[in-house]
């Protein structure tokens, strides 16, 4: 029986919601990572340790967890391009520390690693299945691929139970960065200018659905280290998302696009969700209602 769950990077957007999901399932949650999380009880976290995720800190604070969800690591393509070495440390080195702790202290635990669809890079065929060749086009995607390789190495070499979930475009109330956050601030100030063509396609998954999928992945973790896509299976172009967001904000601004592409961003991402459906999972929040909820959160004071 699973009783104790360790969430690294629990102060982050995904980490907070994963903590809440495991707490909802009646489990004891320990959170650790960089940053402040003064309201950690609100996310179901029983104990919070503000620290770097290292072998030493894990030995000191983590006890012997039944499940580890490693949410700590780099979280931005743009930052990885600007600071590639720092992003390497945050993603690859931290992953190695968690795996070594697991090998030495918690070999019977189950590890879930939230990777990223950025490992796929530019793809030739949609939707993207898990066996699509990996060709990342950013340091962020490259480091996620290396972290996945480390997971597979430890799973196969040391018979550790691991599952890898490649998350696509995760969003939701409380996310104060990336496209929707930037767009809300621009639209609120009457600024219609956005990068790209507007025709870029993304697969949007609400963070609450993502948290449920990550929790489910723990049940399927094994030394085979199964890999699973984490998306909705539906592609939506950026233009449609921003137009819907503008309408939900009550803005008269019509988004306009510069046709300038961002370095490291692929043209289209749509997840093949066959495996997740076989596991009995499906998203509950469609992108229309999810974006509307985000607009309501932004307009309501963002608490």
C-alpha atoms as a PDB file:
ATOM      1  CA  UNK A   1       0.000   0.000   0.000  1.00  0.00           C
ATOM      2  CA  UNK A   2       1.290   3.448  -0.930  1.00  0.00           C
ATOM      3  CA  UNK A   3       1.410   5.723   2.095  1.00  0.00           C
ATOM      4  CA  UNK A   4       4.229   8.226   1.592  1.00  0.00           C
ATOM      5  CA  UNK A   5       4.810  10.307  -1.522  1.00  0.00           C
ATOM      6  CA  UNK A   6       7.800  12.581  -2.098  1.00  0.00           C
ATOM      7  CA  UNK A   7       7.360  15.443  -4.548  1.00  0.00           C
ATOM      8  CA  UNK A   8      10.525  17.257  -5.607  1.00  0.00           C
ATOM      9  CA  UNK A   9       9.938  20.723  -6.997  1.00  0.00           C
ATOM     10  CA  UNK A  10       6.676  20.823  -5.033  1.00  0.00           C
ATOM     11  CA  UNK A  11       6.707  24.639  -5.006  1.00  0.00           C
ATOM     12  CA  UNK A  12       6.377  24.667  -8.782  1.00  0.00           C
ATOM     13  CA  UNK A  13       3.154  24.841 -10.759  1.00  0.00           C
ATOM     14  CA  UNK A  14       2.944  21.151 -11.622  1.00  0.00           C
ATOM     15  CA  UNK A  15       4.452  20.055  -8.309  1.00  0.00           C
ATOM     16  CA  UNK A  16       1.754  21.846  -6.299  1.00  0.00           C
ATOM     17  CA  UNK A  17      -1.043  20.161  -8.216  1.00  0.00           C
ATOM     18  CA  UNK A  18       0.589  16.727  -8.085  1.00  0.00           C
ATOM     19  CA  UNK A  19       0.900  17.147  -4.318  1.00  0.00           C
ATOM     20  CA  UNK A  20      -2.786  18.041  -4.082  1.00  0.00           C
ATOM     21  CA  UNK A  21      -3.764  15.016  -6.185  1.00  0.00           C
ATOM     22  CA  UNK A  22      -1.874  12.524  -4.013  1.00  0.00           C
ATOM     23  CA  UNK A  23      -3.207  14.179  -0.852  1.00  0.00           C
ATOM     24  CA  UNK A  24      -6.725  13.833  -2.271  1.00  0.00           C
ATOM     25  CA  UNK A  25      -6.021  10.126  -2.515  1.00  0.00           C
ATOM     26  CA  UNK A  26      -5.264  10.018   1.204  1.00  0.00           C
ATOM     27  CA  UNK A  27      -1.482   9.809   1.064  1.00  0.00           C
ATOM     28  CA  UNK A  28       1.133  11.534   3.198  1.00  0.00           C
ATOM     29  CA  UNK A  29       2.965  14.074   1.054  1.00  0.00           C
ATOM     30  CA  UNK A  30       6.474  15.407   1.618  1.00  0.00           C
ATOM     31  CA  UNK A  31       7.521  18.313  -0.577  1.00  0.00           C
ATOM     32  CA  UNK A  32      10.987  19.692  -1.158  1.00  0.00           C
ATOM     33  CA  UNK A  33      12.715  22.053  -3.543  1.00  0.00           C
ATOM     34  CA  UNK A  34      13.890  25.572  -4.204  1.00  0.00           C
ATOM     35  CA  UNK A  35      11.690  28.580  -3.561  1.00  0.00           C
ATOM     36  CA  UNK A  36       9.209  29.605  -0.919  1.00  0.00           C
ATOM     37  CA  UNK A  37       5.882  27.881  -0.398  1.00  0.00           C
ATOM     38  CA  UNK A  38       4.260  29.574   2.568  1.00  0.00           C
ATOM     39  CA  UNK A  39       0.835  28.104   1.837  1.00  0.00           C
ATOM     40  CA  UNK A  40       2.014  24.530   1.362  1.00  0.00           C
ATOM     41  CA  UNK A  41      -0.771  23.083   3.514  1.00  0.00           C
ATOM     42  CA  UNK A  42      -3.268  24.324   0.918  1.00  0.00           C
ATOM     43  CA  UNK A  43      -1.775  21.843  -1.561  1.00  0.00           C
ATOM     44  CA  UNK A  44      -2.034  18.872   0.764  1.00  0.00           C
ATOM     45  CA  UNK A  45       1.666  18.879   1.633  1.00  0.00           C
ATOM     46  CA  UNK A  46       2.231  17.523   5.136  1.00  0.00           C
ATOM     47  CA  UNK A  47       5.898  18.517   5.395  1.00  0.00           C
ATOM     48  CA  UNK A  48       7.818  21.041   3.294  1.00  0.00           C
ATOM     49  CA  UNK A  49      11.604  21.379   3.035  1.00  0.00           C
ATOM     50  CA  UNK A  50      12.958  24.444   1.171  1.00  0.00           C
ATOM     51  CA  UNK A  51      16.283  23.138  -0.141  1.00  0.00           C
ATOM     52  CA  UNK A  52      18.212  22.061  -3.192  1.00  0.00           C
ATOM     53  CA  UNK A  53      17.445  18.526  -4.330  1.00  0.00           C
ATOM     54  CA  UNK A  54      20.657  16.581  -3.750  1.00  0.00           C
ATOM     55  CA  UNK A  55      21.569  13.124  -2.511  1.00  0.00           C
ATOM     56  CA  UNK A  56      22.471  14.634   0.866  1.00  0.00           C
ATOM     57  CA  UNK A  57      19.228  16.604   1.255  1.00  0.00           C
ATOM     58  CA  UNK A  58      17.198  13.590   0.153  1.00  0.00           C
ATOM     59  CA  UNK A  59      18.905  11.391   2.732  1.00  0.00           C
ATOM     60  CA  UNK A  60      18.264  14.049   5.369  1.00  0.00           C
ATOM     61  CA  UNK A  61      14.622  14.827   4.655  1.00  0.00           C
ATOM     62  CA  UNK A  62      12.964  12.288   2.353  1.00  0.00           C
ATOM     63  CA  UNK A  63      12.760   9.275   4.677  1.00  0.00           C
ATOM     64  CA  UNK A  64      11.878   6.176   2.592  1.00  0.00           C
ATOM     65  CA  UNK A  65       9.045   7.148   0.228  1.00  0.00           C
ATOM     66  CA  UNK A  66       6.776   4.710  -1.556  1.00  0.00           C
ATOM     67  CA  UNK A  67       6.445   7.033  -4.563  1.00  0.00           C
ATOM     68  CA  UNK A  68       8.689   9.818  -5.854  1.00  0.00           C
ATOM     69  CA  UNK A  69       7.448  12.327  -8.419  1.00  0.00           C
ATOM     70  CA  UNK A  70      10.447  14.305  -9.619  1.00  0.00           C
ATOM     71  CA  UNK A  71       8.973  17.655 -10.690  1.00  0.00           C
ATOM     72  CA  UNK A  72      12.147  19.641  -9.974  1.00  0.00           C
ATOM     73  CA  UNK A  73      14.229  20.786 -12.948  1.00  0.00           C
ATOM     74  CA  UNK A  74      14.366  23.310 -15.755  1.00  0.00           C
ATOM     75  CA  UNK A  75      10.978  24.560 -16.907  1.00  0.00           C
ATOM     76  CA  UNK A  76      11.556  26.923 -19.811  1.00  0.00           C
ATOM     77  CA  UNK A  77      12.849  26.542 -23.365  1.00  0.00           C
ATOM     78  CA  UNK A  78      13.804  30.223 -23.426  1.00  0.00           C
ATOM     79  CA  UNK A  79      15.813  30.061 -20.207  1.00  0.00           C
ATOM     80  CA  UNK A  80      17.593  26.925 -21.417  1.00  0.00           C
ATOM     81  CA  UNK A  81      18.701  28.782 -24.551  1.00  0.00           C
ATOM     82  CA  UNK A  82      19.945  31.757 -22.542  1.00  0.00           C
ATOM     83  CA  UNK A  83      21.523  29.760 -19.683  1.00  0.00           C
ATOM     84  CA  UNK A  84      22.235  26.255 -21.018  1.00  0.00           C
ATOM     85  CA  UNK A  85      24.694  25.190 -18.322  1.00  0.00           C
ATOM     86  CA  UNK A  86      22.416  26.225 -15.466  1.00  0.00           C
ATOM     87  CA  UNK A  87      19.507  24.387 -17.093  1.00  0.00           C
ATOM     88  CA  UNK A  88      21.709  21.296 -17.444  1.00  0.00           C
ATOM     89  CA  UNK A  89      22.421  21.359 -13.706  1.00  0.00           C
ATOM     90  CA  UNK A  90      18.756  21.837 -12.815  1.00  0.00           C
ATOM     91  CA  UNK A  91      17.496  19.068 -15.083  1.00  0.00           C
ATOM     92  CA  UNK A  92      20.221  16.453 -15.623  1.00  0.00           C
ATOM     93  CA  UNK A  93      22.242  16.710 -12.439  1.00  0.00           C
ATOM     94  CA  UNK A  94      19.150  16.826 -10.237  1.00  0.00           C
ATOM     95  CA  UNK A  95      17.744  13.773 -11.991  1.00  0.00           C
ATOM     96  CA  UNK A  96      20.955  11.875 -11.306  1.00  0.00           C
ATOM     97  CA  UNK A  97      20.792  12.843  -7.625  1.00  0.00           C
ATOM     98  CA  UNK A  98      17.235  11.531  -7.266  1.00  0.00           C
ATOM     99  CA  UNK A  99      18.050   8.262  -9.019  1.00  0.00           C
ATOM    100  CA  UNK A 100      21.119   7.695  -6.862  1.00  0.00           C
ATOM    101  CA  UNK A 101      19.092   8.356  -3.698  1.00  0.00           C
ATOM    102  CA  UNK A 102      16.477   5.907  -4.919  1.00  0.00           C
ATOM    103  CA  UNK A 103      19.099   3.248  -5.668  1.00  0.00           C
ATOM    104  CA  UNK A 104      20.702   3.602  -2.245  1.00  0.00           C
ATOM    105  CA  UNK A 105      17.770   4.364   0.072  1.00  0.00           C
ATOM    106  CA  UNK A 106      14.471   3.575  -1.655  1.00  0.00           C
ATOM    107  CA  UNK A 107      14.989   0.812  -4.256  1.00  0.00           C
ATOM    108  CA  UNK A 108      11.415  -0.424  -3.793  1.00  0.00           C
ATOM    109  CA  UNK A 109       9.852   2.996  -4.439  1.00  0.00           C
ATOM    110  CA  UNK A 110       8.160   3.960  -7.681  1.00  0.00           C
ATOM    111  CA  UNK A 111       9.494   6.991  -9.537  1.00  0.00           C
ATOM    112  CA  UNK A 112       7.449   9.117 -11.931  1.00  0.00           C
ATOM    113  CA  UNK A 113       9.367  11.564 -14.099  1.00  0.00           C
ATOM    114  CA  UNK A 114       7.418  14.397 -15.779  1.00  0.00           C
ATOM    115  CA  UNK A 115       9.441  14.817 -18.961  1.00  0.00           C
ATOM    116  CA  UNK A 116       8.437  16.992 -21.896  1.00  0.00           C
ATOM    117  CA  UNK A 117       7.194  16.730 -25.463  1.00  0.00           C
ATOM    118  CA  UNK A 118      10.181  18.964 -26.258  1.00  0.00           C
ATOM    119  CA  UNK A 119      12.210  15.747 -26.607  1.00  0.00           C
ATOM    120  CA  UNK A 120      10.434  15.156 -29.949  1.00  0.00           C
ATOM    121  CA  UNK A 121      11.525  18.422 -31.605  1.00  0.00           C
ATOM    122  CA  UNK A 122      10.288  19.037 -35.136  1.00  0.00           C
ATOM    123  CA  UNK A 123       8.177  16.058 -36.153  1.00  0.00           C
ATOM    124  CA  UNK A 124       7.083  14.887 -39.603  1.00  0.00           C
ATOM    125  CA  UNK A 125       3.928  13.054 -38.589  1.00  0.00           C
ATOM    126  CA  UNK A 126       1.027  13.902 -36.267  1.00  0.00           C
ATOM    127  CA  UNK A 127      -0.187  12.818 -33.819  1.00  0.00           C
ATOM    128  CA  UNK A 128       3.091  12.039 -32.059  1.00  0.00           C
ATOM    129  CA  UNK A 129       3.389   8.519 -30.673  1.00  0.00           C
ATOM    130  CA  UNK A 130       5.819   7.553 -27.940  1.00  0.00           C
ATOM    131  CA  UNK A 131       8.036   5.650 -30.386  1.00  0.00           C
ATOM    132  CA  UNK A 132       8.607   8.733 -32.561  1.00  0.00           C
ATOM    133  CA  UNK A 133      12.373   9.335 -33.009  1.00  0.00           C
ATOM    134  CA  UNK A 134      13.649  12.004 -30.621  1.00  0.00           C
ATOM    135  CA  UNK A 135      15.177  15.085 -32.253  1.00  0.00           C
ATOM    136  CA  UNK A 136      15.058  17.903 -29.665  1.00  0.00           C
ATOM    137  CA  UNK A 137      15.836  21.390 -30.993  1.00  0.00           C
ATOM    138  CA  UNK A 138      16.542  23.190 -27.696  1.00  0.00           C
ATOM    139  CA  UNK A 139      18.813  22.635 -24.698  1.00  0.00           C
ATOM    140  CA  UNK A 140      15.639  22.133 -22.662  1.00  0.00           C
ATOM    141  CA  UNK A 141      14.490  19.237 -24.838  1.00  0.00           C
ATOM    142  CA  UNK A 142      17.981  17.758 -25.034  1.00  0.00           C
ATOM    143  CA  UNK A 143      18.372  17.760 -21.255  1.00  0.00           C
ATOM    144  CA  UNK A 144      14.947  16.157 -20.801  1.00  0.00           C
ATOM    145  CA  UNK A 145      16.051  13.409 -23.177  1.00  0.00           C
ATOM    146  CA  UNK A 146      19.248  12.862 -21.182  1.00  0.00           C
ATOM    147  CA  UNK A 147      17.201  12.692 -17.975  1.00  0.00           C
ATOM    148  CA  UNK A 148      14.951  10.087 -19.592  1.00  0.00           C
ATOM    149  CA  UNK A 149      18.035   8.087 -20.596  1.00  0.00           C
ATOM    150  CA  UNK A 150      19.247   8.170 -17.000  1.00  0.00           C
ATOM    151  CA  UNK A 151      15.867   6.910 -15.817  1.00  0.00           C
ATOM    152  CA  UNK A 152      15.986   4.027 -18.277  1.00  0.00           C
ATOM    153  CA  UNK A 153      19.572   3.203 -17.314  1.00  0.00           C
ATOM    154  CA  UNK A 154      18.769   3.003 -13.591  1.00  0.00           C
ATOM    155  CA  UNK A 155      15.550   1.101 -14.228  1.00  0.00           C
ATOM    156  CA  UNK A 156      17.237  -1.545 -16.349  1.00  0.00           C
ATOM    157  CA  UNK A 157      20.559  -1.716 -14.491  1.00  0.00           C
ATOM    158  CA  UNK A 158      19.211  -1.639 -10.923  1.00  0.00           C
ATOM    159  CA  UNK A 159      15.665  -2.918 -11.462  1.00  0.00           C
ATOM    160  CA  UNK A 160      14.092   0.315 -10.243  1.00  0.00           C
ATOM    161  CA  UNK A 161      10.401   0.942 -10.977  1.00  0.00           C
ATOM    162  CA  UNK A 162      10.098   4.086 -13.099  1.00  0.00           C
ATOM    163  CA  UNK A 163       7.534   5.665 -15.426  1.00  0.00           C
ATOM    164  CA  UNK A 164       8.155   8.621 -17.760  1.00  0.00           C
ATOM    165  CA  UNK A 165       5.368  10.999 -18.810  1.00  0.00           C
ATOM    166  CA  UNK A 166       6.097  13.396 -21.672  1.00  0.00           C
ATOM    167  CA  UNK A 167       3.912  16.398 -20.913  1.00  0.00           C
ATOM    168  CA  UNK A 168       2.714  18.640 -23.726  1.00  0.00           C
ATOM    169  CA  UNK A 169       1.354  22.202 -23.160  1.00  0.00           C
ATOM    170  CA  UNK A 170       0.342  22.301 -19.496  1.00  0.00           C
ATOM    171  CA  UNK A 171      -1.715  25.266 -18.332  1.00  0.00           C
ATOM    172  CA  UNK A 172      -4.202  26.251 -15.661  1.00  0.00           C
ATOM    173  CA  UNK A 173      -5.124  28.769 -13.018  1.00  0.00           C
ATOM    174  CA  UNK A 174      -2.091  29.870 -11.024  1.00  0.00           C
ATOM    175  CA  UNK A 175       0.446  29.641 -13.851  1.00  0.00           C
ATOM    176  CA  UNK A 176       2.210  33.000 -13.944  1.00  0.00           C
ATOM    177  CA  UNK A 177       4.392  32.479 -17.005  1.00  0.00           C
ATOM    178  CA  UNK A 178       4.257  31.186 -20.575  1.00  0.00           C
ATOM    179  CA  UNK A 179       1.730  32.005 -23.283  1.00  0.00           C
ATOM    180  CA  UNK A 180      -1.557  32.485 -21.433  1.00  0.00           C
ATOM    181  CA  UNK A 181      -0.012  34.617 -18.675  1.00  0.00           C
ATOM    182  CA  UNK A 182       1.862  36.813 -21.130  1.00  0.00           C
ATOM    183  CA  UNK A 183      -1.205  37.072 -23.355  1.00  0.00           C
ATOM    184  CA  UNK A 184      -3.500  38.101 -20.493  1.00  0.00           C
ATOM    185  CA  UNK A 185      -1.124  40.892 -19.510  1.00  0.00           C
ATOM    186  CA  UNK A 186      -0.761  42.069 -23.098  1.00  0.00           C
ATOM    187  CA  UNK A 187      -4.471  41.989 -23.850  1.00  0.00           C
ATOM    188  CA  UNK A 188      -5.292  43.747 -20.581  1.00  0.00           C
ATOM    189  CA  UNK A 189      -2.972  46.570 -21.677  1.00  0.00           C
ATOM    190  CA  UNK A 190      -4.369  46.719 -25.221  1.00  0.00           C
ATOM    191  CA  UNK A 191      -1.253  45.211 -26.795  1.00  0.00           C
ATOM    192  CA  UNK A 192      -2.179  42.943 -29.755  1.00  0.00           C
ATOM    193  CA  UNK A 193       1.367  41.902 -30.790  1.00  0.00           C
ATOM    194  CA  UNK A 194       2.489  38.276 -30.464  1.00  0.00           C
ATOM    195  CA  UNK A 195       5.417  36.230 -31.767  1.00  0.00           C
ATOM    196  CA  UNK A 196       4.939  33.604 -34.437  1.00  0.00           C
ATOM    197  CA  UNK A 197       2.351  33.195 -37.137  1.00  0.00           C
ATOM    198  CA  UNK A 198      -0.585  32.204 -34.956  1.00  0.00           C
ATOM    199  CA  UNK A 199      -0.824  28.966 -36.912  1.00  0.00           C
ATOM    200  CA  UNK A 200       1.442  27.049 -34.543  1.00  0.00           C
ATOM    201  CA  UNK A 201      -0.425  24.056 -33.135  1.00  0.00           C
ATOM    202  CA  UNK A 202      -0.219  22.905 -29.527  1.00  0.00           C
ATOM    203  CA  UNK A 203      -1.829  20.147 -27.497  1.00  0.00           C
ATOM    204  CA  UNK A 204      -3.231  21.760 -24.340  1.00  0.00           C
ATOM    205  CA  UNK A 205      -3.668  19.775 -21.121  1.00  0.00           C
ATOM    206  CA  UNK A 206      -5.049  21.299 -17.936  1.00  0.00           C
ATOM    207  CA  UNK A 207      -2.748  20.861 -14.951  1.00  0.00           C
ATOM    208  CA  UNK A 208      -5.423  19.039 -12.929  1.00  0.00           C
ATOM    209  CA  UNK A 209      -5.705  16.404 -15.647  1.00  0.00           C
ATOM    210  CA  UNK A 210      -1.904  16.229 -15.854  1.00  0.00           C
ATOM    211  CA  UNK A 211      -1.670  15.617 -12.090  1.00  0.00           C
ATOM    212  CA  UNK A 212      -4.136  12.740 -12.328  1.00  0.00           C
ATOM    213  CA  UNK A 213      -2.147  11.202 -15.172  1.00  0.00           C
ATOM    214  CA  UNK A 214       1.122  11.467 -13.216  1.00  0.00           C
ATOM    215  CA  UNK A 215      -0.510   9.807 -10.216  1.00  0.00           C
ATOM    216  CA  UNK A 216      -1.806   7.013 -12.443  1.00  0.00           C
ATOM    217  CA  UNK A 217       1.665   6.553 -13.931  1.00  0.00           C
ATOM    218  CA  UNK A 218       2.966   5.546 -10.506  1.00  0.00           C
ATOM    219  CA  UNK A 219       0.746   2.457 -10.687  1.00  0.00           C
ATOM    220  CA  UNK A 220       2.437   1.457 -13.961  1.00  0.00           C
ATOM    221  CA  UNK A 221       6.051   2.183 -12.985  1.00  0.00           C
ATOM    222  CA  UNK A 222       8.346  -0.797 -13.510  1.00  0.00           C
ATOM    223  CA  UNK A 223      11.935  -1.709 -14.485  1.00  0.00           C
ATOM    224  CA  UNK A 224      10.698  -1.562 -18.098  1.00  0.00           C
ATOM    225  CA  UNK A 225      10.370   2.214 -17.535  1.00  0.00           C
ATOM    226  CA  UNK A 226       7.247   2.752 -19.664  1.00  0.00           C
ATOM    227  CA  UNK A 227       6.980   6.045 -21.520  1.00  0.00           C
ATOM    228  CA  UNK A 228       3.666   7.834 -21.850  1.00  0.00           C
ATOM    229  CA  UNK A 229       2.486  10.971 -23.614  1.00  0.00           C
ATOM    230  CA  UNK A 230       0.685  13.551 -21.503  1.00  0.00           C
ATOM    231  CA  UNK A 231      -1.621  15.590 -23.689  1.00  0.00           C
ATOM    232  CA  UNK A 232      -5.259  15.835 -24.692  1.00  0.00           C
ATOM    233  CA  UNK A 233      -4.876  14.314 -28.138  1.00  0.00           C
ATOM    234  CA  UNK A 234      -6.301  17.478 -29.690  1.00  0.00           C
ATOM    235  CA  UNK A 235      -4.279  20.141 -31.496  1.00  0.00           C
ATOM    236  CA  UNK A 236      -5.354  23.779 -31.322  1.00  0.00           C
ATOM    237  CA  UNK A 237      -3.636  26.658 -33.110  1.00  0.00           C
ATOM    238  CA  UNK A 238      -2.304  29.561 -31.053  1.00  0.00           C
ATOM    239  CA  UNK A 239      -4.510  32.054 -32.907  1.00  0.00           C
ATOM    240  CA  UNK A 240      -7.691  30.283 -31.794  1.00  0.00           C
ATOM    241  CA  UNK A 241      -6.517  30.015 -28.196  1.00  0.00           C
ATOM    242  CA  UNK A 242      -5.646  33.718 -27.987  1.00  0.00           C
ATOM    243  CA  UNK A 243      -8.858  34.789 -29.688  1.00  0.00           C
ATOM    244  CA  UNK A 244     -10.887  32.740 -27.214  1.00  0.00           C
ATOM    245  CA  UNK A 245      -8.831  34.137 -24.336  1.00  0.00           C
ATOM    246  CA  UNK A 246      -9.444  37.703 -25.543  1.00  0.00           C
ATOM    247  CA  UNK A 247     -13.181  37.088 -25.710  1.00  0.00           C
ATOM    248  CA  UNK A 248     -13.237  35.576 -22.232  1.00  0.00           C
ATOM    249  CA  UNK A 249     -11.369  38.605 -20.876  1.00  0.00           C
ATOM    250  CA  UNK A 250     -13.968  40.885 -22.458  1.00  0.00           C
ATOM    251  CA  UNK A 251     -11.254  42.475 -24.582  1.00  0.00           C
ATOM    252  CA  UNK A 252     -11.805  44.081 -27.966  1.00  0.00           C
ATOM    253  CA  UNK A 253      -8.179  43.448 -28.916  1.00  0.00           C
ATOM    254  CA  UNK A 254      -7.664  41.150 -31.923  1.00  0.00           C
ATOM    255  CA  UNK A 255      -4.346  39.272 -31.574  1.00  0.00           C
ATOM    256  CA  UNK A 256      -1.814  40.042 -34.317  1.00  0.00           C
ATOM    257  CA  UNK A 257       1.294  38.031 -35.109  1.00  0.00           C
ATOM    258  CA  UNK A 258       4.803  39.103 -36.097  1.00  0.00           C
ATOM    259  CA  UNK A 259       5.619  35.957 -38.141  1.00  0.00           C
ATOM    260  CA  UNK A 260       8.905  35.801 -36.168  1.00  0.00           C
ATOM    261  CA  UNK A 261       9.526  32.333 -34.769  1.00  0.00           C
ATOM    262  CA  UNK A 262      11.029  31.686 -31.339  1.00  0.00           C
ATOM    263  CA  UNK A 263      14.236  29.667 -31.166  1.00  0.00           C
ATOM    264  CA  UNK A 264      13.591  26.119 -29.968  1.00  0.00           C
ATOM    265  CA  UNK A 265       9.842  26.124 -30.625  1.00  0.00           C
ATOM    266  CA  UNK A 266       8.444  23.476 -33.014  1.00  0.00           C
ATOM    267  CA  UNK A 267       5.616  24.202 -35.429  1.00  0.00           C
ATOM    268  CA  UNK A 268       3.123  21.597 -34.282  1.00  0.00           C
ATOM    269  CA  UNK A 269       2.576  19.225 -31.366  1.00  0.00           C
ATOM    270  CA  UNK A 270      -0.351  16.818 -31.015  1.00  0.00           C
ATOM    271  CA  UNK A 271      -0.066  13.821 -28.703  1.00  0.00           C
ATOM    272  CA  UNK A 272      -1.123  10.300 -29.564  1.00  0.00           C
ATOM    273  CA  UNK A 273      -2.872   9.324 -26.328  1.00  0.00           C
ATOM    274  CA  UNK A 274      -3.543   5.664 -27.122  1.00  0.00           C
ATOM    275  CA  UNK A 275      -1.477   4.304 -24.230  1.00  0.00           C
ATOM    276  CA  UNK A 276      -3.043   6.631 -21.654  1.00  0.00           C
ATOM    277  CA  UNK A 277      -6.510   5.593 -22.833  1.00  0.00           C
ATOM    278  CA  UNK A 278      -5.501   1.955 -22.485  1.00  0.00           C
ATOM    279  CA  UNK A 279      -4.560   2.747 -18.897  1.00  0.00           C
ATOM    280  CA  UNK A 280      -8.072   4.086 -18.355  1.00  0.00           C
ATOM    281  CA  UNK A 281      -7.251   7.817 -18.357  1.00  0.00           C
ATOM    282  CA  UNK A 282      -8.829  10.618 -20.348  1.00  0.00           C
ATOM    283  CA  UNK A 283      -8.797  14.395 -19.819  1.00  0.00           C
ATOM    284  CA  UNK A 284     -11.810  15.924 -18.110  1.00  0.00           C
ATOM    285  CA  UNK A 285     -11.240  19.627 -18.889  1.00  0.00           C
ATOM    286  CA  UNK A 286     -11.500  20.699 -22.539  1.00  0.00           C
ATOM    287  CA  UNK A 287      -9.427  23.636 -23.731  1.00  0.00           C
ATOM    288  CA  UNK A 288     -12.390  25.992 -24.180  1.00  0.00           C
ATOM    289  CA  UNK A 289     -13.490  25.719 -20.554  1.00  0.00           C
ATOM    290  CA  UNK A 290      -9.897  25.561 -19.333  1.00  0.00           C
ATOM    291  CA  UNK A 291      -8.926  28.813 -21.060  1.00  0.00           C
ATOM    292  CA  UNK A 292     -12.148  30.416 -19.837  1.00  0.00           C
ATOM    293  CA  UNK A 293     -11.244  29.382 -16.292  1.00  0.00           C
ATOM    294  CA  UNK A 294      -7.785  30.881 -16.693  1.00  0.00           C
ATOM    295  CA  UNK A 295      -9.268  34.176 -17.908  1.00  0.00           C
ATOM    296  CA  UNK A 296     -11.653  34.212 -14.952  1.00  0.00           C
ATOM    297  CA  UNK A 297      -8.773  33.590 -12.542  1.00  0.00           C
ATOM    298  CA  UNK A 298      -6.725  36.392 -14.114  1.00  0.00           C
ATOM    299  CA  UNK A 299      -9.630  38.845 -14.051  1.00  0.00           C
ATOM    300  CA  UNK A 300     -10.591  37.907 -10.519  1.00  0.00           C
ATOM    301  CA  UNK A 301      -7.388  39.032  -8.845  1.00  0.00           C
ATOM    302  CA  UNK A 302      -5.259  35.915  -9.390  1.00  0.00           C
ATOM    303  CA  UNK A 303      -5.491  34.543  -5.851  1.00  0.00           C
END
